[in-house]
Amino acid sequence: MYYVYILKSLKFERYYIGHTNNLNKRLNEHNSGKTRSSKGYKPWAIAHTEKFETKSEAFRREKEIKSYKSGIKFRKLVNPESWQSG
């Protein structure tokens, strides 16, 4: 199983999008500073995840999410309750 994940910085208004086959290990790597591009914005929390059977499917979805980062589609993923009607 592979996961596409969106992390939200708990200190800054920043998001990180990636994919992995071990979500807990990857979150720990981000929070311990092992990922250079995200270490300045730690601590991180998981804002959204999606499961995929293959790495290529996960990678494709990661790229798709990155293509609309900060747009309406992205905001719907990280804050779905604000987009629900009713």
N, C-alpha and C. Protein backbone atom coordinates (compact mmCIF):
# COMPACT_ATOMS: atom_id res chain seq x y z
N MET A 1 0.84 -1.18 0.00
CA MET A 1 0.00 0.00 0.00
C MET A 1 0.89 1.25 0.00
N TYR A 2 0.50 2.23 -0.78
CA TYR A 2 1.21 3.51 -0.84
C TYR A 2 0.24 4.62 -0.46
N TYR A 3 0.80 5.67 0.08
CA TYR A 3 -0.01 6.78 0.55
C TYR A 3 0.48 8.09 -0.06
N VAL A 4 -0.46 8.92 -0.44
CA VAL A 4 -0.17 10.31 -0.75
C VAL A 4 -0.60 11.07 0.49
N TYR A 5 0.24 11.97 0.94
CA TYR A 5 -0.06 12.68 2.18
C TYR A 5 0.17 14.17 2.03
N ILE A 6 -0.61 14.92 2.79
CA ILE A 6 -0.40 16.36 2.90
C ILE A 6 -0.17 16.64 4.37
N LEU A 7 0.97 17.27 4.65
CA LEU A 7 1.30 17.66 6.01
C LEU A 7 1.05 19.15 6.15
N LYS A 8 0.65 19.55 7.34
CA LYS A 8 0.49 20.97 7.65
C LYS A 8 1.43 21.31 8.79
N SER A 9 2.18 22.38 8.62
CA SER A 9 3.06 22.86 9.68
C SER A 9 2.19 23.39 10.82
N LEU A 10 2.55 23.03 12.04
CA LEU A 10 1.80 23.50 13.20
C LEU A 10 2.22 24.91 13.64
N LYS A 11 3.31 25.43 13.06
CA LYS A 11 3.78 26.77 13.43
C LYS A 11 3.63 27.79 12.31
N PHE A 12 3.59 27.32 11.08
CA PHE A 12 3.56 28.21 9.92
C PHE A 12 2.40 27.81 9.01
N GLU A 13 2.00 28.70 8.15
CA GLU A 13 0.95 28.40 7.17
C GLU A 13 1.61 27.75 5.95
N ARG A 14 2.10 26.52 6.17
CA ARG A 14 2.82 25.78 5.12
C ARG A 14 2.30 24.37 5.03
N TYR A 15 2.34 23.84 3.81
CA TYR A 15 1.94 22.46 3.55
C TYR A 15 3.06 21.74 2.82
N TYR A 16 3.11 20.44 3.00
CA TYR A 16 4.07 19.59 2.30
C TYR A 16 3.29 18.41 1.72
N ILE A 17 3.52 18.10 0.46
CA ILE A 17 2.85 17.01 -0.23
C ILE A 17 3.88 15.97 -0.62
N GLY A 18 3.59 14.70 -0.34
CA GLY A 18 4.51 13.63 -0.70
C GLY A 18 3.80 12.30 -0.82
N HIS A 19 4.58 11.25 -1.09
CA HIS A 19 4.03 9.90 -1.10
C HIS A 19 5.03 8.96 -0.43
N THR A 20 4.51 7.86 0.13
CA THR A 20 5.35 6.92 0.87
C THR A 20 4.62 5.59 1.01
N ASN A 21 5.36 4.57 1.41
CA ASN A 21 4.72 3.29 1.74
C ASN A 21 4.70 3.07 3.25
N ASN A 22 5.22 4.04 4.03
CA ASN A 22 5.21 3.94 5.48
C ASN A 22 4.94 5.34 6.05
N LEU A 23 3.68 5.63 6.27
CA LEU A 23 3.25 6.97 6.65
C LEU A 23 3.82 7.42 8.00
N ASN A 24 3.79 6.55 9.00
CA ASN A 24 4.32 6.93 10.32
C ASN A 24 5.81 7.22 10.29
N LYS A 25 6.55 6.38 9.58
CA LYS A 25 8.00 6.59 9.47
C LYS A 25 8.29 7.91 8.77
N ARG A 26 7.54 8.18 7.72
CA ARG A 26 7.77 9.41 6.95
C ARG A 26 7.44 10.65 7.77
N LEU A 27 6.35 10.61 8.53
CA LEU A 27 6.01 11.74 9.40
C LEU A 27 7.11 11.96 10.43
N ASN A 28 7.63 10.89 11.01
CA ASN A 28 8.73 11.02 11.97
C ASN A 28 9.97 11.62 11.32
N GLU A 29 10.26 11.26 10.07
CA GLU A 29 11.41 11.84 9.37
C GLU A 29 11.23 13.35 9.18
N HIS A 30 10.02 13.76 8.82
CA HIS A 30 9.76 15.20 8.66
C HIS A 30 9.91 15.92 10.00
N ASN A 31 9.38 15.34 11.06
CA ASN A 31 9.41 16.01 12.36
C ASN A 31 10.77 15.95 13.04
N SER A 32 11.64 15.05 12.61
CA SER A 32 12.99 14.99 13.20
C SER A 32 14.00 15.81 12.40
N GLY A 33 13.55 16.43 11.30
CA GLY A 33 14.43 17.28 10.51
C GLY A 33 15.24 16.54 9.45
N LYS A 34 14.91 15.30 9.16
CA LYS A 34 15.66 14.52 8.17
C LYS A 34 15.32 14.88 6.73
N THR A 35 14.22 15.61 6.53
CA THR A 35 13.84 16.04 5.20
C THR A 35 14.20 17.51 5.06
N ARG A 36 15.20 17.79 4.26
CA ARG A 36 15.77 19.13 4.16
C ARG A 36 14.74 20.20 3.82
N SER A 37 13.86 19.90 2.87
CA SER A 37 12.91 20.92 2.42
C SER A 37 11.82 21.24 3.44
N SER A 38 11.64 20.39 4.43
CA SER A 38 10.57 20.64 5.40
C SER A 38 11.06 20.91 6.82
N LYS A 39 12.35 20.78 7.07
CA LYS A 39 12.82 20.86 8.46
C LYS A 39 12.66 22.23 9.09
N GLY A 40 12.63 23.29 8.31
CA GLY A 40 12.46 24.63 8.86
C GLY A 40 11.05 24.96 9.30
N TYR A 41 10.11 24.06 9.01
CA TYR A 41 8.70 24.33 9.30
C TYR A 41 8.09 23.33 10.27
N LYS A 42 8.90 22.53 10.91
CA LYS A 42 8.38 21.53 11.84
C LYS A 42 7.90 22.19 13.13
N PRO A 43 7.01 21.58 13.85
CA PRO A 43 6.45 20.23 13.69
C PRO A 43 5.33 20.18 12.65
N TRP A 44 5.13 18.97 12.11
CA TRP A 44 4.13 18.71 11.09
C TRP A 44 3.05 17.80 11.63
N ALA A 45 1.85 17.96 11.08
CA ALA A 45 0.73 17.07 11.38
C ALA A 45 0.11 16.64 10.05
N ILE A 46 -0.47 15.46 10.03
CA ILE A 46 -1.10 14.97 8.81
C ILE A 46 -2.43 15.70 8.61
N ALA A 47 -2.59 16.31 7.45
CA ALA A 47 -3.82 17.03 7.13
C ALA A 47 -4.72 16.22 6.20
N HIS A 48 -4.12 15.30 5.41
CA HIS A 48 -4.89 14.52 4.44
C HIS A 48 -4.06 13.33 3.97
N THR A 49 -4.72 12.19 3.77
CA THR A 49 -4.06 11.02 3.18
C THR A 49 -5.00 10.33 2.19
N GLU A 50 -4.39 9.65 1.23
CA GLU A 50 -5.11 8.82 0.27
C GLU A 50 -4.29 7.55 0.05
N LYS A 51 -4.96 6.40 -0.10
CA LYS A 51 -4.29 5.12 -0.29
C LYS A 51 -4.30 4.71 -1.76
N PHE A 52 -3.21 4.05 -2.17
CA PHE A 52 -3.09 3.54 -3.54
C PHE A 52 -2.41 2.18 -3.52
N GLU A 53 -2.73 1.36 -4.50
CA GLU A 53 -2.15 0.02 -4.61
C GLU A 53 -0.70 0.06 -5.07
N THR A 54 -0.38 0.99 -5.98
CA THR A 54 0.97 1.01 -6.55
C THR A 54 1.65 2.36 -6.31
N LYS A 55 2.98 2.31 -6.37
CA LYS A 55 3.77 3.52 -6.21
C LYS A 55 3.50 4.50 -7.36
N SER A 56 3.33 3.97 -8.56
CA SER A 56 3.10 4.86 -9.70
C SER A 56 1.77 5.60 -9.58
N GLU A 57 0.73 4.94 -9.07
CA GLU A 57 -0.55 5.62 -8.84
C GLU A 57 -0.40 6.73 -7.81
N ALA A 58 0.33 6.44 -6.73
CA ALA A 58 0.55 7.43 -5.68
C ALA A 58 1.34 8.62 -6.21
N PHE A 59 2.36 8.35 -7.00
CA PHE A 59 3.18 9.42 -7.55
C PHE A 59 2.36 10.30 -8.49
N ARG A 60 1.53 9.68 -9.30
CA ARG A 60 0.66 10.41 -10.22
C ARG A 60 -0.29 11.34 -9.45
N ARG A 61 -0.87 10.82 -8.38
CA ARG A 61 -1.79 11.62 -7.56
C ARG A 61 -1.05 12.75 -6.85
N GLU A 62 0.16 12.47 -6.35
CA GLU A 62 0.96 13.52 -5.72
C GLU A 62 1.19 14.67 -6.68
N LYS A 63 1.56 14.35 -7.91
CA LYS A 63 1.78 15.39 -8.92
C LYS A 63 0.50 16.17 -9.22
N GLU A 64 -0.63 15.45 -9.25
CA GLU A 64 -1.91 16.11 -9.50
C GLU A 64 -2.22 17.10 -8.38
N ILE A 65 -2.06 16.68 -7.14
CA ILE A 65 -2.33 17.58 -6.00
C ILE A 65 -1.39 18.78 -6.04
N LYS A 66 -0.13 18.55 -6.34
CA LYS A 66 0.82 19.66 -6.41
C LYS A 66 0.45 20.65 -7.51
N SER A 67 -0.22 20.17 -8.56
CA SER A 67 -0.59 21.06 -9.66
C SER A 67 -1.67 22.06 -9.26
N TYR A 68 -2.45 21.75 -8.23
CA TYR A 68 -3.44 22.72 -7.78
C TYR A 68 -3.25 23.13 -6.33
N LYS A 69 -2.02 23.09 -5.88
CA LYS A 69 -1.70 23.53 -4.52
C LYS A 69 -2.11 24.99 -4.34
N SER A 70 -2.73 25.26 -3.22
CA SER A 70 -3.21 26.58 -2.80
C SER A 70 -4.50 27.00 -3.51
N GLY A 71 -4.98 26.21 -4.45
CA GLY A 71 -6.24 26.54 -5.12
C GLY A 71 -7.42 25.96 -4.35
N ILE A 72 -8.60 26.12 -4.93
CA ILE A 72 -9.82 25.64 -4.29
C ILE A 72 -9.78 24.13 -4.08
N LYS A 73 -9.34 23.38 -5.08
CA LYS A 73 -9.28 21.92 -4.93
C LYS A 73 -8.36 21.52 -3.78
N PHE A 74 -7.25 22.21 -3.64
CA PHE A 74 -6.31 21.91 -2.56
C PHE A 74 -6.96 22.21 -1.21
N ARG A 75 -7.59 23.34 -1.09
CA ARG A 75 -8.25 23.71 0.17
C ARG A 75 -9.36 22.74 0.55
N LYS A 76 -10.04 22.18 -0.44
CA LYS A 76 -11.07 21.18 -0.17
C LYS A 76 -10.46 19.91 0.43
N LEU A 77 -9.25 19.56 0.00
CA LEU A 77 -8.59 18.37 0.55
C LEU A 77 -8.17 18.57 2.00
N VAL A 78 -7.59 19.71 2.31
CA VAL A 78 -7.04 19.92 3.66
C VAL A 78 -8.06 20.45 4.66
N ASN A 79 -9.19 20.93 4.17
CA ASN A 79 -10.22 21.46 5.06
C ASN A 79 -11.60 21.12 4.52
N PRO A 80 -11.94 19.83 4.42
CA PRO A 80 -13.19 19.43 3.76
C PRO A 80 -14.45 19.91 4.46
N GLU A 81 -14.43 20.06 5.77
CA GLU A 81 -15.66 20.46 6.48
C GLU A 81 -16.11 21.86 6.10
N SER A 82 -15.21 22.72 5.70
CA SER A 82 -15.61 24.07 5.33
C SER A 82 -16.28 24.11 3.95
N TRP A 83 -16.22 23.00 3.20
CA TRP A 83 -16.80 22.95 1.86
C TRP A 83 -18.08 22.12 1.82
N GLN A 84 -18.47 21.53 2.92
CA GLN A 84 -19.68 20.72 2.93
C GLN A 84 -20.90 21.61 3.01
N SER A 85 -21.92 21.23 2.28
CA SER A 85 -23.15 22.04 2.31
C SER A 85 -24.01 21.60 3.48
N GLY A 86 -24.92 22.45 3.88
CA GLY A 86 -25.85 22.05 4.91
C GLY A 86 -25.80 22.90 6.07
